[in-house]
Amino acid sequence: MIQKTKWLIFGVGSPETRFLGTRFNVGAAVVDLLADRGGGQLVERGPIQSEIVSFGNTMARLAKPNVIPEMAEDAIALLKKHCPYEDGCVALIYGDPDYLPGQVKIKRKGGASGHKIICEFNQVFGTSSVVRVRVGMGRVKNDNYYELPVDVVDEHAAAVARGIQNASMILQALIADGYSAAIDVAGKANKNRGLKSPSSHLSQQNTRV
């Protein structure tokens, strides 16, 4: 039986190269960074990659999809059925083009805005207690935005990389000290958005931002 943890942290992403450097893989990049910070290494477990880490005295299971988006429901179903966690302690991480590059938002509840994976996540986990951590990607200034690839614009890449780092720190605070502490960290992180150069470590993640 898989060990129960307090938190279940899921980063939206895909192992496919076509999603490298896109908003779709930002959640997975945050999970990779959290695993590294926690001294863990994600292990393949069927449709997911996951690992248990501790921050403070609190254990959390980190997870990201190990399948293409069209099969992501398998990953989400596995999380719900076989990865026990405490009630109200689920976090979902993803990139969002509606926020400024590198800006990080954290809140409970929320809709899916047409995002297939988030729609499926909502159906399985509900929305009332899920904590959402969104990293701003910025928008391409083009009327045909949704017909273009969702790559991070070069001028935004450093800020988005910093946002990924900030999201990992916000989640560390969430795991170790709770939601209010994470809100405080998010406020401080957004004041310094994009002012520092990204860590070289980020280039090793499964996104190139």
C-alpha atoms as a PDB file:
ATOM      1  CA  MET A   1       0.000   0.000   0.000  1.00  0.00           C
ATOM      2  CA  ILE A   2       1.285   3.480  -0.885  1.00  0.00           C
ATOM      3  CA  GLN A   3       2.187   5.624   2.112  1.00  0.00           C
ATOM      4  CA  LYS A   4      -0.272   8.328   3.094  1.00  0.00           C
ATOM      5  CA  THR A   5       1.021  11.904   3.088  1.00  0.00           C
ATOM      6  CA  LYS A   6      -0.525  15.138   4.255  1.00  0.00           C
ATOM      7  CA  TRP A   7      -0.233  16.858   0.862  1.00  0.00           C
ATOM      8  CA  LEU A   8      -0.680  15.692  -2.714  1.00  0.00           C
ATOM      9  CA  ILE A   9       1.009  18.081  -5.165  1.00  0.00           C
ATOM     10  CA  PHE A  10       0.302  17.635  -8.889  1.00  0.00           C
ATOM     11  CA  GLY A  11       2.081  19.552 -11.652  1.00  0.00           C
ATOM     12  CA  VAL A  12       0.428  19.635 -15.077  1.00  0.00           C
ATOM     13  CA  GLY A  13       2.754  18.500 -17.852  1.00  0.00           C
ATOM     14  CA  SER A  14       3.703  15.837 -20.357  1.00  0.00           C
ATOM     15  CA  PRO A  15       6.836  13.798 -21.141  1.00  0.00           C
ATOM     16  CA  GLU A  16       6.478  14.626 -24.847  1.00  0.00           C
ATOM     17  CA  THR A  17       9.068  16.889 -26.463  1.00  0.00           C
ATOM     18  CA  ARG A  18       6.343  18.841 -28.295  1.00  0.00           C
ATOM     19  CA  PHE A  19       5.391  20.412 -24.962  1.00  0.00           C
ATOM     20  CA  LEU A  20       8.902  21.422 -23.866  1.00  0.00           C
ATOM     21  CA  GLY A  21       9.080  25.133 -23.197  1.00  0.00           C
ATOM     22  CA  THR A  22       5.314  25.640 -23.226  1.00  0.00           C
ATOM     23  CA  ARG A  23       2.877  26.732 -20.559  1.00  0.00           C
ATOM     24  CA  PHE A  24       1.619  23.148 -20.515  1.00  0.00           C
ATOM     25  CA  ASN A  25       4.805  21.935 -18.824  1.00  0.00           C
ATOM     26  CA  VAL A  26       5.301  24.636 -16.206  1.00  0.00           C
ATOM     27  CA  GLY A  27       3.565  22.620 -13.478  1.00  0.00           C
ATOM     28  CA  ALA A  28       5.818  19.644 -14.157  1.00  0.00           C
ATOM     29  CA  ALA A  29       8.894  21.915 -13.982  1.00  0.00           C
ATOM     30  CA  VAL A  30       7.796  23.169 -10.543  1.00  0.00           C
ATOM     31  CA  VAL A  31       7.383  19.573  -9.336  1.00  0.00           C
ATOM     32  CA  ASP A  32      10.855  18.709 -10.652  1.00  0.00           C
ATOM     33  CA  LEU A  33      12.333  21.627  -8.757  1.00  0.00           C
ATOM     34  CA  LEU A  34      10.447  20.752  -5.559  1.00  0.00           C
ATOM     35  CA  ALA A  35      11.701  17.173  -5.744  1.00  0.00           C
ATOM     36  CA  ASP A  36      15.256  18.436  -6.101  1.00  0.00           C
ATOM     37  CA  ARG A  37      14.852  20.842  -3.183  1.00  0.00           C
ATOM     38  CA  GLY A  38      13.416  18.045  -1.055  1.00  0.00           C
ATOM     39  CA  GLY A  39      16.231  15.653  -1.896  1.00  0.00           C
ATOM     40  CA  GLY A  40      13.973  13.241  -3.778  1.00  0.00           C
ATOM     41  CA  GLN A  41      13.897  11.799  -7.270  1.00  0.00           C
ATOM     42  CA  LEU A  42      10.691  11.221  -9.183  1.00  0.00           C
ATOM     43  CA  VAL A  43      10.074   7.553  -9.971  1.00  0.00           C
ATOM     44  CA  GLU A  44       7.893   6.196 -12.766  1.00  0.00           C
ATOM     45  CA  ARG A  45       4.735   4.554 -11.451  1.00  0.00           C
ATOM     46  CA  GLY A  46       2.640   3.718 -14.485  1.00  0.00           C
ATOM     47  CA  PRO A  47       0.906   6.867 -15.766  1.00  0.00           C
ATOM     48  CA  ILE A  48       2.615   9.137 -13.202  1.00  0.00           C
ATOM     49  CA  GLN A  49       6.053  10.011 -11.910  1.00  0.00           C
ATOM     50  CA  SER A  50       6.036  10.634  -8.182  1.00  0.00           C
ATOM     51  CA  GLU A  51       8.050  10.822  -4.992  1.00  0.00           C
ATOM     52  CA  ILE A  52       7.511  11.644  -1.314  1.00  0.00           C
ATOM     53  CA  VAL A  53       9.487  14.547   0.151  1.00  0.00           C
ATOM     54  CA  SER A  54       9.368  16.454   3.428  1.00  0.00           C
ATOM     55  CA  PHE A  55       9.465  20.166   4.129  1.00  0.00           C
ATOM     56  CA  GLY A  56       9.523  21.108   7.761  1.00  0.00           C
ATOM     57  CA  ASN A  57       8.010  18.079   9.446  1.00  0.00           C
ATOM     58  CA  THR A  58       5.355  17.560   6.776  1.00  0.00           C
ATOM     59  CA  MET A  59       5.381  14.918   4.068  1.00  0.00           C
ATOM     60  CA  ALA A  60       4.021  15.566   0.588  1.00  0.00           C
ATOM     61  CA  ARG A  61       3.693  13.379  -2.472  1.00  0.00           C
ATOM     62  CA  LEU A  62       4.865  15.158  -5.610  1.00  0.00           C
ATOM     63  CA  ALA A  63       3.491  13.917  -8.913  1.00  0.00           C
ATOM     64  CA  LYS A  64       3.338  14.752 -12.605  1.00  0.00           C
ATOM     65  CA  PRO A  65       1.946  12.881 -15.630  1.00  0.00           C
ATOM     66  CA  ASN A  66       4.055  10.244 -17.322  1.00  0.00           C
ATOM     67  CA  VAL A  67       1.656   9.971 -20.267  1.00  0.00           C
ATOM     68  CA  ILE A  68       0.457  12.088 -23.181  1.00  0.00           C
ATOM     69  CA  PRO A  69      -2.329  14.603 -22.436  1.00  0.00           C
ATOM     70  CA  GLU A  70      -4.928  12.403 -24.113  1.00  0.00           C
ATOM     71  CA  MET A  71      -4.254   9.776 -21.408  1.00  0.00           C
ATOM     72  CA  ALA A  72      -3.952  12.174 -18.484  1.00  0.00           C
ATOM     73  CA  GLU A  73      -7.206  10.916 -16.988  1.00  0.00           C
ATOM     74  CA  ASP A  74      -5.341   7.676 -16.178  1.00  0.00           C
ATOM     75  CA  ALA A  75      -2.750   9.623 -14.197  1.00  0.00           C
ATOM     76  CA  ILE A  76      -5.401  11.611 -12.338  1.00  0.00           C
ATOM     77  CA  ALA A  77      -7.454   8.510 -11.523  1.00  0.00           C
ATOM     78  CA  LEU A  78      -4.340   6.778 -10.144  1.00  0.00           C
ATOM     79  CA  LEU A  79      -3.587   9.753  -7.906  1.00  0.00           C
ATOM     80  CA  LYS A  80      -7.081   9.743  -6.445  1.00  0.00           C
ATOM     81  CA  LYS A  81      -7.294   5.997  -5.915  1.00  0.00           C
ATOM     82  CA  HIS A  82      -3.806   4.993  -4.836  1.00  0.00           C
ATOM     83  CA  CYS A  83      -2.115   8.091  -3.366  1.00  0.00           C
ATOM     84  CA  PRO A  84      -3.832   8.824  -0.026  1.00  0.00           C
ATOM     85  CA  TYR A  85      -3.636  12.309   1.455  1.00  0.00           C
ATOM     86  CA  GLU A  86      -5.413  14.355   4.137  1.00  0.00           C
ATOM     87  CA  ASP A  87      -8.736  15.982   3.307  1.00  0.00           C
ATOM     88  CA  GLY A  88      -8.340  19.446   1.818  1.00  0.00           C
ATOM     89  CA  CYS A  89      -4.639  19.034   1.092  1.00  0.00           C
ATOM     90  CA  VAL A  90      -4.340  18.885  -2.698  1.00  0.00           C
ATOM     91  CA  ALA A  91      -2.438  21.407  -4.825  1.00  0.00           C
ATOM     92  CA  LEU A  92      -2.510  21.800  -8.607  1.00  0.00           C
ATOM     93  CA  ILE A  93       0.212  23.729 -10.504  1.00  0.00           C
ATOM     94  CA  TYR A  94       0.085  25.018 -14.081  1.00  0.00           C
ATOM     95  CA  GLY A  95       1.057  27.880 -16.387  1.00  0.00           C
ATOM     96  CA  ASP A  96      -1.475  30.613 -17.131  1.00  0.00           C
ATOM     97  CA  PRO A  97      -1.219  33.108 -20.027  1.00  0.00           C
ATOM     98  CA  ASP A  98      -3.689  35.459 -18.345  1.00  0.00           C
ATOM     99  CA  TYR A  99      -1.073  36.612 -15.808  1.00  0.00           C
ATOM    100  CA  LEU A 100       2.089  38.640 -16.286  1.00  0.00           C
ATOM    101  CA  PRO A 101       5.245  36.618 -16.999  1.00  0.00           C
ATOM    102  CA  GLY A 102       6.618  35.251 -13.747  1.00  0.00           C
ATOM    103  CA  GLN A 103       3.665  36.350 -11.633  1.00  0.00           C
ATOM    104  CA  VAL A 104       2.486  33.582  -9.304  1.00  0.00           C
ATOM    105  CA  LYS A 105      -1.089  33.298  -8.054  1.00  0.00           C
ATOM    106  CA  ILE A 106      -2.316  30.977  -5.316  1.00  0.00           C
ATOM    107  CA  LYS A 107      -5.931  30.451  -4.321  1.00  0.00           C
ATOM    108  CA  ARG A 108      -8.512  27.817  -3.492  1.00  0.00           C
ATOM    109  CA  LYS A 109     -11.232  26.768  -5.935  1.00  0.00           C
ATOM    110  CA  GLY A 110     -11.492  28.099  -9.480  1.00  0.00           C
ATOM    111  CA  GLY A 111     -12.599  27.001 -12.935  1.00  0.00           C
ATOM    112  CA  ALA A 112     -10.742  25.259 -15.730  1.00  0.00           C
ATOM    113  CA  SER A 113     -11.034  27.920 -18.470  1.00  0.00           C
ATOM    114  CA  GLY A 114     -11.290  25.202 -21.098  1.00  0.00           C
ATOM    115  CA  HIS A 115      -8.061  23.461 -20.051  1.00  0.00           C
ATOM    116  CA  LYS A 116      -8.644  19.736 -20.670  1.00  0.00           C
ATOM    117  CA  ILE A 117      -6.358  18.399 -17.920  1.00  0.00           C
ATOM    118  CA  ILE A 118      -7.712  20.816 -15.322  1.00  0.00           C
ATOM    119  CA  CYS A 119     -11.292  19.914 -16.305  1.00  0.00           C
ATOM    120  CA  GLU A 120     -10.479  16.263 -15.687  1.00  0.00           C
ATOM    121  CA  PHE A 121      -8.727  17.092 -12.418  1.00  0.00           C
ATOM    122  CA  ASN A 122     -11.800  19.031 -11.251  1.00  0.00           C
ATOM    123  CA  GLN A 123     -14.075  16.118 -12.074  1.00  0.00           C
ATOM    124  CA  VAL A 124     -11.998  13.712 -10.004  1.00  0.00           C
ATOM    125  CA  PHE A 125     -10.966  15.906  -7.070  1.00  0.00           C
ATOM    126  CA  GLY A 126     -13.665  18.583  -7.082  1.00  0.00           C
ATOM    127  CA  THR A 127     -12.851  22.278  -6.747  1.00  0.00           C
ATOM    128  CA  SER A 128     -13.845  23.245  -3.210  1.00  0.00           C
ATOM    129  CA  SER A 129     -10.565  22.461  -1.461  1.00  0.00           C
ATOM    130  CA  VAL A 130      -7.944  22.255  -4.221  1.00  0.00           C
ATOM    131  CA  VAL A 131      -5.197  24.882  -3.931  1.00  0.00           C
ATOM    132  CA  ARG A 132      -4.233  26.267  -7.337  1.00  0.00           C
ATOM    133  CA  VAL A 133      -0.774  27.662  -7.990  1.00  0.00           C
ATOM    134  CA  ARG A 134      -0.539  29.388 -11.378  1.00  0.00           C
ATOM    135  CA  VAL A 135       2.602  30.765 -12.970  1.00  0.00           C
ATOM    136  CA  GLY A 136       2.040  33.679 -15.347  1.00  0.00           C
ATOM    137  CA  MET A 137       3.298  33.137 -18.890  1.00  0.00           C
ATOM    138  CA  GLY A 138       2.263  36.364 -20.602  1.00  0.00           C
ATOM    139  CA  ARG A 139       0.398  36.472 -23.907  1.00  0.00           C
ATOM    140  CA  VAL A 140       1.696  36.564 -27.436  1.00  0.00           C
ATOM    141  CA  LYS A 141       0.645  39.930 -28.895  1.00  0.00           C
ATOM    142  CA  ASN A 142      -1.233  38.527 -31.847  1.00  0.00           C
ATOM    143  CA  ASP A 143      -4.921  38.256 -32.683  1.00  0.00           C
ATOM    144  CA  ASN A 144      -4.390  34.596 -33.562  1.00  0.00           C
ATOM    145  CA  TYR A 145      -2.827  33.729 -30.191  1.00  0.00           C
ATOM    146  CA  TYR A 146      -4.769  30.505 -29.751  1.00  0.00           C
ATOM    147  CA  GLU A 147      -3.713  29.314 -33.206  1.00  0.00           C
ATOM    148  CA  LEU A 148      -0.025  29.737 -32.341  1.00  0.00           C
ATOM    149  CA  PRO A 149       2.248  27.354 -30.442  1.00  0.00           C
ATOM    150  CA  VAL A 150       2.093  28.064 -26.720  1.00  0.00           C
ATOM    151  CA  ASP A 151       5.850  28.456 -26.351  1.00  0.00           C
ATOM    152  CA  VAL A 152       7.164  30.995 -23.881  1.00  0.00           C
ATOM    153  CA  VAL A 153       8.144  34.174 -25.716  1.00  0.00           C
ATOM    154  CA  ASP A 154      11.930  34.688 -25.514  1.00  0.00           C
ATOM    155  CA  GLU A 155      11.577  38.074 -23.832  1.00  0.00           C
ATOM    156  CA  HIS A 156       9.495  36.451 -21.081  1.00  0.00           C
ATOM    157  CA  ALA A 157      11.648  33.361 -20.512  1.00  0.00           C
ATOM    158  CA  ALA A 158      13.771  34.709 -17.640  1.00  0.00           C
ATOM    159  CA  ALA A 159      10.715  36.023 -15.781  1.00  0.00           C
ATOM    160  CA  VAL A 160       8.841  32.733 -16.234  1.00  0.00           C
ATOM    161  CA  ALA A 161      11.872  30.796 -14.969  1.00  0.00           C
ATOM    162  CA  ARG A 162      11.909  33.014 -11.902  1.00  0.00           C
ATOM    163  CA  GLY A 163       8.166  32.368 -11.499  1.00  0.00           C
ATOM    164  CA  ILE A 164       8.839  28.622 -11.498  1.00  0.00           C
ATOM    165  CA  GLN A 165      11.356  29.091  -8.702  1.00  0.00           C
ATOM    166  CA  ASN A 166       8.946  31.303  -6.772  1.00  0.00           C
ATOM    167  CA  ALA A 167       6.142  28.760  -7.203  1.00  0.00           C
ATOM    168  CA  SER A 168       8.384  26.080  -5.690  1.00  0.00           C
ATOM    169  CA  MET A 169       9.066  28.301  -2.658  1.00  0.00           C
ATOM    170  CA  ILE A 170       5.355  29.052  -2.274  1.00  0.00           C
ATOM    171  CA  LEU A 171       4.582  25.334  -2.298  1.00  0.00           C
ATOM    172  CA  GLN A 172       7.330  24.644   0.228  1.00  0.00           C
ATOM    173  CA  ALA A 173       5.662  27.162   2.541  1.00  0.00           C
ATOM    174  CA  LEU A 174       2.261  25.589   1.863  1.00  0.00           C
ATOM    175  CA  ILE A 175       3.511  22.120   2.774  1.00  0.00           C
ATOM    176  CA  ALA A 176       5.528  23.150   5.819  1.00  0.00           C
ATOM    177  CA  ASP A 177       3.397  25.940   7.294  1.00  0.00           C
ATOM    178  CA  GLY A 178      -0.010  26.024   5.609  1.00  0.00           C
ATOM    179  CA  TYR A 179      -2.068  28.175   3.262  1.00  0.00           C
ATOM    180  CA  SER A 180      -1.654  31.529   5.036  1.00  0.00           C
ATOM    181  CA  ALA A 181       2.125  31.189   5.009  1.00  0.00           C
ATOM    182  CA  ALA A 182       2.038  30.381   1.298  1.00  0.00           C
ATOM    183  CA  ILE A 183      -0.033  33.514   0.621  1.00  0.00           C
ATOM    184  CA  ASP A 184       2.583  35.618   2.422  1.00  0.00           C
ATOM    185  CA  VAL A 185       5.432  34.090   0.417  1.00  0.00           C
ATOM    186  CA  ALA A 186       3.517  34.671  -2.833  1.00  0.00           C
ATOM    187  CA  GLY A 187       3.065  38.356  -2.012  1.00  0.00           C
ATOM    188  CA  LYS A 188       6.779  38.823  -1.370  1.00  0.00           C
ATOM    189  CA  ALA A 189       7.790  36.780  -4.417  1.00  0.00           C
ATOM    190  CA  ASN A 190       5.624  38.789  -6.792  1.00  0.00           C
ATOM    191  CA  LYS A 191       7.235  42.039  -5.645  1.00  0.00           C
ATOM    192  CA  ASN A 192      10.544  40.726  -6.975  1.00  0.00           C
ATOM    193  CA  ARG A 193       9.096  39.136 -10.098  1.00  0.00           C
ATOM    194  CA  GLY A 194      11.636  38.776 -12.879  1.00  0.00           C
ATOM    195  CA  LEU A 195      14.332  40.878 -11.169  1.00  0.00           C
ATOM    196  CA  LYS A 196      16.784  38.037 -10.614  1.00  0.00           C
ATOM    197  CA  SER A 197      18.316  35.790 -13.226  1.00  0.00           C
ATOM    198  CA  PRO A 198      16.963  32.226 -13.300  1.00  0.00           C
ATOM    199  CA  SER A 199      18.929  29.365 -11.809  1.00  0.00           C
ATOM    200  CA  SER A 200      20.887  27.265 -14.278  1.00  0.00           C
ATOM    201  CA  HIS A 201      19.159  24.295 -12.667  1.00  0.00           C
ATOM    202  CA  LEU A 202      15.964  25.151 -14.542  1.00  0.00           C
ATOM    203  CA  SER A 203      17.537  24.296 -17.858  1.00  0.00           C
ATOM    204  CA  GLN A 204      17.761  20.709 -16.621  1.00  0.00           C
ATOM    205  CA  GLN A 205      14.037  20.469 -15.995  1.00  0.00           C
ATOM    206  CA  ASN A 206      11.645  18.996 -18.522  1.00  0.00           C
ATOM    207  CA  THR A 207      10.880  22.492 -19.762  1.00  0.00           C
ATOM    208  CA  ARG A 208      13.332  24.894 -21.330  1.00  0.00           C
ATOM    209  CA  VAL A 209      11.983  28.065 -19.766  1.00  0.00           C
END
